[in-house]
Amino acid sequence: MLEKNGKNNIDGSFDWGDAIMDAGVLAGLTFFTALGGSSIVGIPTPQACIGAAVSAAGQFFLTLAIKRGLREQTKTP
């Protein structure tokens, strides 16, 4: 859990369960740190919750993309 790269199951298929758990943990961390930071600077709670939710959603999908391997392919000479 909480590894940079995704894993495959024994049959070779991508392990979505592990990737979703890791993405959820990181999204939760992002949500609460964004909410805490917004509270410290005095942003009203409804706006702070919306901003934190947007940040968490972005983190969730970014983590899934990284684990799945959505990145530029290296060119071999």
C-alpha atoms as a PDB file:
ATOM      1  CA  MET A   1       0.000   0.000   0.000  1.00  0.00           C
ATOM      2  CA  LEU A   2       1.066   3.562  -0.768  1.00  0.00           C
ATOM      3  CA  GLU A   3       3.585   2.687  -3.436  1.00  0.00           C
ATOM      4  CA  LYS A   4       4.490   4.980  -6.309  1.00  0.00           C
ATOM      5  CA  ASN A   5       3.757   2.466  -9.038  1.00  0.00           C
ATOM      6  CA  GLY A   6       0.695   0.275  -9.402  1.00  0.00           C
ATOM      7  CA  LYS A   7       0.782  -3.499  -9.136  1.00  0.00           C
ATOM      8  CA  ASN A   8      -0.651  -6.342 -11.178  1.00  0.00           C
ATOM      9  CA  ASN A   9      -2.665  -9.264  -9.904  1.00  0.00           C
ATOM     10  CA  ILE A  10      -1.407 -12.826 -10.267  1.00  0.00           C
ATOM     11  CA  ASP A  11      -3.317 -13.186 -13.560  1.00  0.00           C
ATOM     12  CA  GLY A  12      -1.583 -10.074 -14.978  1.00  0.00           C
ATOM     13  CA  SER A  13      -4.538  -7.682 -14.709  1.00  0.00           C
ATOM     14  CA  PHE A  14      -4.075  -4.292 -13.045  1.00  0.00           C
ATOM     15  CA  ASP A  15      -4.798  -4.248  -9.292  1.00  0.00           C
ATOM     16  CA  TRP A  16      -7.469  -1.538  -9.186  1.00  0.00           C
ATOM     17  CA  GLY A  17      -8.398  -2.226  -5.558  1.00  0.00           C
ATOM     18  CA  ASP A  18      -4.943  -1.354  -4.266  1.00  0.00           C
ATOM     19  CA  ALA A  19      -4.693   1.694  -6.541  1.00  0.00           C
ATOM     20  CA  ILE A  20      -8.073   3.039  -5.397  1.00  0.00           C
ATOM     21  CA  MET A  21      -7.177   2.554  -1.726  1.00  0.00           C
ATOM     22  CA  ASP A  22      -3.903   4.434  -2.168  1.00  0.00           C
ATOM     23  CA  ALA A  23      -5.623   7.203  -4.127  1.00  0.00           C
ATOM     24  CA  GLY A  24      -8.291   7.495  -1.429  1.00  0.00           C
ATOM     25  CA  VAL A  25      -5.720   7.822   1.340  1.00  0.00           C
ATOM     26  CA  LEU A  26      -3.840  10.548  -0.504  1.00  0.00           C
ATOM     27  CA  ALA A  27      -7.063  12.346  -1.462  1.00  0.00           C
ATOM     28  CA  GLY A  28      -8.186  12.312   2.176  1.00  0.00           C
ATOM     29  CA  LEU A  29      -4.861  13.727   3.284  1.00  0.00           C
ATOM     30  CA  THR A  30      -5.120  16.446   0.638  1.00  0.00           C
ATOM     31  CA  PHE A  31      -8.691  17.282   1.668  1.00  0.00           C
ATOM     32  CA  PHE A  32      -7.873  17.763   5.331  1.00  0.00           C
ATOM     33  CA  THR A  33      -4.630  19.672   4.768  1.00  0.00           C
ATOM     34  CA  ALA A  34      -6.378  22.021   2.317  1.00  0.00           C
ATOM     35  CA  LEU A  35      -9.271  22.475   4.742  1.00  0.00           C
ATOM     36  CA  GLY A  36      -6.889  23.147   7.617  1.00  0.00           C
ATOM     37  CA  GLY A  37      -4.886  25.667   5.619  1.00  0.00           C
ATOM     38  CA  SER A  38      -8.038  27.444   4.500  1.00  0.00           C
ATOM     39  CA  SER A  39      -9.249  27.659   8.085  1.00  0.00           C
ATOM     40  CA  ILE A  40      -5.974  29.167   9.258  1.00  0.00           C
ATOM     41  CA  VAL A  41      -6.108  31.985   6.699  1.00  0.00           C
ATOM     42  CA  GLY A  42      -9.768  32.676   7.480  1.00  0.00           C
ATOM     43  CA  ILE A  43     -11.598  31.477   4.373  1.00  0.00           C
ATOM     44  CA  PRO A  44     -15.292  30.892   5.233  1.00  0.00           C
ATOM     45  CA  THR A  45     -16.146  27.222   5.811  1.00  0.00           C
ATOM     46  CA  PRO A  46     -18.434  26.598   2.776  1.00  0.00           C
ATOM     47  CA  GLN A  47     -15.842  27.964   0.348  1.00  0.00           C
ATOM     48  CA  ALA A  48     -13.049  26.132   2.158  1.00  0.00           C
ATOM     49  CA  CYS A  49     -14.933  22.819   1.866  1.00  0.00           C
ATOM     50  CA  ILE A  50     -15.476  23.322  -1.854  1.00  0.00           C
ATOM     51  CA  GLY A  51     -11.824  24.165  -2.432  1.00  0.00           C
ATOM     52  CA  ALA A  52     -10.663  21.199  -0.366  1.00  0.00           C
ATOM     53  CA  ALA A  53     -13.022  18.849  -2.232  1.00  0.00           C
ATOM     54  CA  VAL A  54     -11.740  20.051  -5.616  1.00  0.00           C
ATOM     55  CA  SER A  55      -8.147  19.566  -4.441  1.00  0.00           C
ATOM     56  CA  ALA A  56      -8.921  16.087  -3.114  1.00  0.00           C
ATOM     57  CA  ALA A  57     -10.653  15.037  -6.343  1.00  0.00           C
ATOM     58  CA  GLY A  58      -7.691  16.215  -8.382  1.00  0.00           C
ATOM     59  CA  GLN A  59      -5.294  14.319  -6.118  1.00  0.00           C
ATOM     60  CA  PHE A  60      -7.419  11.167  -6.327  1.00  0.00           C
ATOM     61  CA  PHE A  61      -7.425  11.048 -10.123  1.00  0.00           C
ATOM     62  CA  LEU A  62      -3.790  12.128 -10.408  1.00  0.00           C
ATOM     63  CA  THR A  63      -2.742   9.266  -8.135  1.00  0.00           C
ATOM     64  CA  LEU A  64      -4.759   6.782 -10.196  1.00  0.00           C
ATOM     65  CA  ALA A  65      -3.200   8.099 -13.401  1.00  0.00           C
ATOM     66  CA  ILE A  66       0.316   7.753 -12.005  1.00  0.00           C
ATOM     67  CA  LYS A  67      -0.330   4.244 -10.703  1.00  0.00           C
ATOM     68  CA  ARG A  68      -1.884   3.125 -13.974  1.00  0.00           C
ATOM     69  CA  GLY A  69       1.104   4.450 -15.873  1.00  0.00           C
ATOM     70  CA  LEU A  70      -0.390   7.430 -17.700  1.00  0.00           C
ATOM     71  CA  ARG A  71       2.843   9.169 -18.663  1.00  0.00           C
ATOM     72  CA  GLU A  72       4.912   9.948 -21.713  1.00  0.00           C
ATOM     73  CA  GLN A  73       6.586   6.923 -23.227  1.00  0.00           C
ATOM     74  CA  THR A  74      10.355   7.004 -23.493  1.00  0.00           C
ATOM     75  CA  LYS A  75      11.672   6.637 -27.010  1.00  0.00           C
ATOM     76  CA  THR A  76      14.279   3.986 -27.633  1.00  0.00           C
ATOM     77  CA  PRO A  77      16.917   4.707 -30.280  1.00  0.00           C
END
